[in-house]
Amino acid sequence: MIKIYGIKNCDSVKKALAFFKKHSLEYLLHDFKTQPVGCEKVDFWLKEIEIKKLFNAKSTTYRTLALKDKNCNDAEMAEWLCKENLLIKRPVIEFNNRVIVGFNETDYQGAFL
């Protein structure tokens, strides 16, 4: 089963959902706003991908928290991801022991079709 982590109103999540629907692929959506993920899940993802790929430094939450001024190291960024799930780049997809971050149709075709 494909697990998609994100928020329903995110454009990248919408594109991912449309891709899976178009190709009749079953998925489960985990919405950060109604079901936050904790450090255990974030740590699992970080074993598979780099923090800079998971940490969304372009998000509204990043700007609101003024994190650019804090100049966080990797450990501090991981702590922020645990506390503020909206700092996680979306979508995060778990499938066949892989973690894929963001939406890229070409990558999705290679991974899911």
Protein backbone atom coordinates (compact mmCIF):
# COMPACT_ATOMS: atom_id res chain seq x y z
CA MET A 1 0.00 0.00 0.00
CA ILE A 2 1.23 3.47 -0.89
CA LYS A 3 1.21 5.84 2.11
CA ILE A 4 1.09 9.55 1.34
CA TYR A 5 1.92 12.07 4.06
CA GLY A 6 0.98 15.71 3.59
CA ILE A 7 -1.97 18.06 3.74
CA LYS A 8 -5.01 17.98 1.48
CA ASN A 9 -4.79 21.57 0.28
CA CYS A 10 -1.11 21.38 -0.77
CA ASP A 11 -0.68 21.65 -4.56
CA SER A 12 2.05 18.99 -4.66
CA VAL A 13 -0.09 16.59 -2.64
CA LYS A 14 -3.02 17.25 -4.98
CA LYS A 15 -0.81 16.41 -7.98
CA ALA A 16 0.37 13.19 -6.32
CA LEU A 17 -3.20 12.15 -5.48
CA ALA A 18 -4.30 12.89 -9.05
CA PHE A 19 -1.41 10.75 -10.36
CA PHE A 20 -2.39 7.79 -8.18
CA LYS A 21 -6.08 8.12 -9.08
CA LYS A 22 -5.30 8.40 -12.80
CA HIS A 23 -3.28 5.17 -12.65
CA SER A 24 -5.75 3.37 -10.33
CA LEU A 25 -3.15 2.93 -7.60
CA GLU A 26 -4.44 2.42 -4.07
CA TYR A 27 -3.10 4.77 -1.45
CA LEU A 28 -3.70 5.96 2.09
CA LEU A 29 -3.48 9.69 2.84
CA HIS A 30 -2.09 10.72 6.21
CA ASP A 31 -2.97 14.39 6.77
CA PHE A 32 -0.50 16.25 9.00
CA LYS A 33 -3.21 18.65 10.15
CA THR A 34 -5.43 15.91 11.59
CA GLN A 35 -2.78 13.27 12.38
CA PRO A 36 0.60 14.81 13.20
CA VAL A 37 3.65 12.56 12.93
CA GLY A 38 6.24 12.43 15.68
CA CYS A 39 9.99 12.07 15.89
CA GLU A 40 9.87 8.31 15.33
CA LYS A 41 8.44 8.76 11.82
CA VAL A 42 10.70 11.73 11.02
CA ASP A 43 13.75 9.72 12.18
CA PHE A 44 12.66 6.82 9.95
CA TRP A 45 12.44 9.13 6.94
CA LEU A 46 15.83 10.66 7.73
CA LYS A 47 17.44 7.24 7.56
CA GLU A 48 16.32 7.11 3.91
CA ILE A 49 16.75 10.71 2.75
CA GLU A 50 18.78 13.80 3.57
CA ILE A 51 17.39 16.39 5.96
CA LYS A 52 17.72 19.15 3.35
CA LYS A 53 15.36 17.24 1.06
CA LEU A 54 12.77 16.74 3.84
CA PHE A 55 12.98 20.19 5.43
CA ASN A 56 10.90 22.76 3.54
CA ALA A 57 12.79 26.03 3.83
CA LYS A 58 10.34 27.65 1.40
CA SER A 59 7.24 27.09 3.52
CA THR A 60 5.10 29.74 5.15
CA THR A 61 5.76 28.04 8.49
CA TYR A 62 9.52 28.43 7.98
CA ARG A 63 9.11 32.15 7.37
CA THR A 64 6.61 32.60 10.21
CA LEU A 65 8.98 30.94 12.71
CA ALA A 66 11.91 33.02 11.37
CA LEU A 67 14.03 29.88 11.14
CA LYS A 68 16.37 31.42 8.59
CA ASP A 69 17.66 33.71 11.33
CA LYS A 70 18.27 30.75 13.66
CA ASN A 71 20.73 29.06 11.25
CA CYS A 72 19.77 25.57 12.48
CA ASN A 73 22.07 22.56 12.19
CA ASP A 74 20.75 19.17 11.03
CA ALA A 75 19.80 18.00 14.55
CA GLU A 76 17.90 21.22 15.24
CA MET A 77 16.14 20.98 11.87
CA ALA A 78 15.05 17.41 12.74
CA GLU A 79 13.65 18.65 16.06
CA TRP A 80 11.67 21.33 14.23
CA LEU A 81 10.25 18.73 11.82
CA CYS A 82 8.99 16.74 14.82
CA LYS A 83 7.36 19.79 16.41
CA GLU A 84 6.07 21.50 13.26
CA ASN A 85 4.98 18.96 10.65
CA LEU A 86 4.15 21.76 8.22
CA LEU A 87 7.91 22.22 7.82
CA ILE A 88 8.04 18.82 6.11
CA LYS A 89 8.27 19.04 2.34
CA ARG A 90 5.22 17.42 0.79
CA PRO A 91 4.21 14.88 -0.11
CA VAL A 92 6.27 12.23 1.64
CA ILE A 93 5.51 8.84 0.14
CA GLU A 94 6.33 5.46 1.63
CA PHE A 95 6.23 2.53 -0.78
CA ASN A 96 8.14 -0.77 -0.87
CA ASN A 97 10.58 0.34 1.85
CA ARG A 98 11.34 3.55 -0.07
CA VAL A 99 10.74 7.16 0.84
CA ILE A 100 10.02 9.66 -1.92
CA VAL A 101 9.66 13.38 -1.19
CA GLY A 102 7.90 15.90 -3.40
CA PHE A 103 6.07 15.42 -6.67
CA ASN A 104 7.84 14.62 -9.93
CA GLU A 105 5.74 12.80 -12.50
CA THR A 106 8.73 11.19 -14.22
CA ASP A 107 10.05 9.85 -10.92
CA TYR A 108 6.58 8.61 -10.01
CA GLN A 109 6.23 6.78 -13.31
CA GLY A 110 9.52 4.98 -12.65
CA ALA A 111 8.66 4.15 -9.07
CA PHE A 112 4.97 3.23 -9.26
CA LEU A 113 4.18 2.05 -12.81
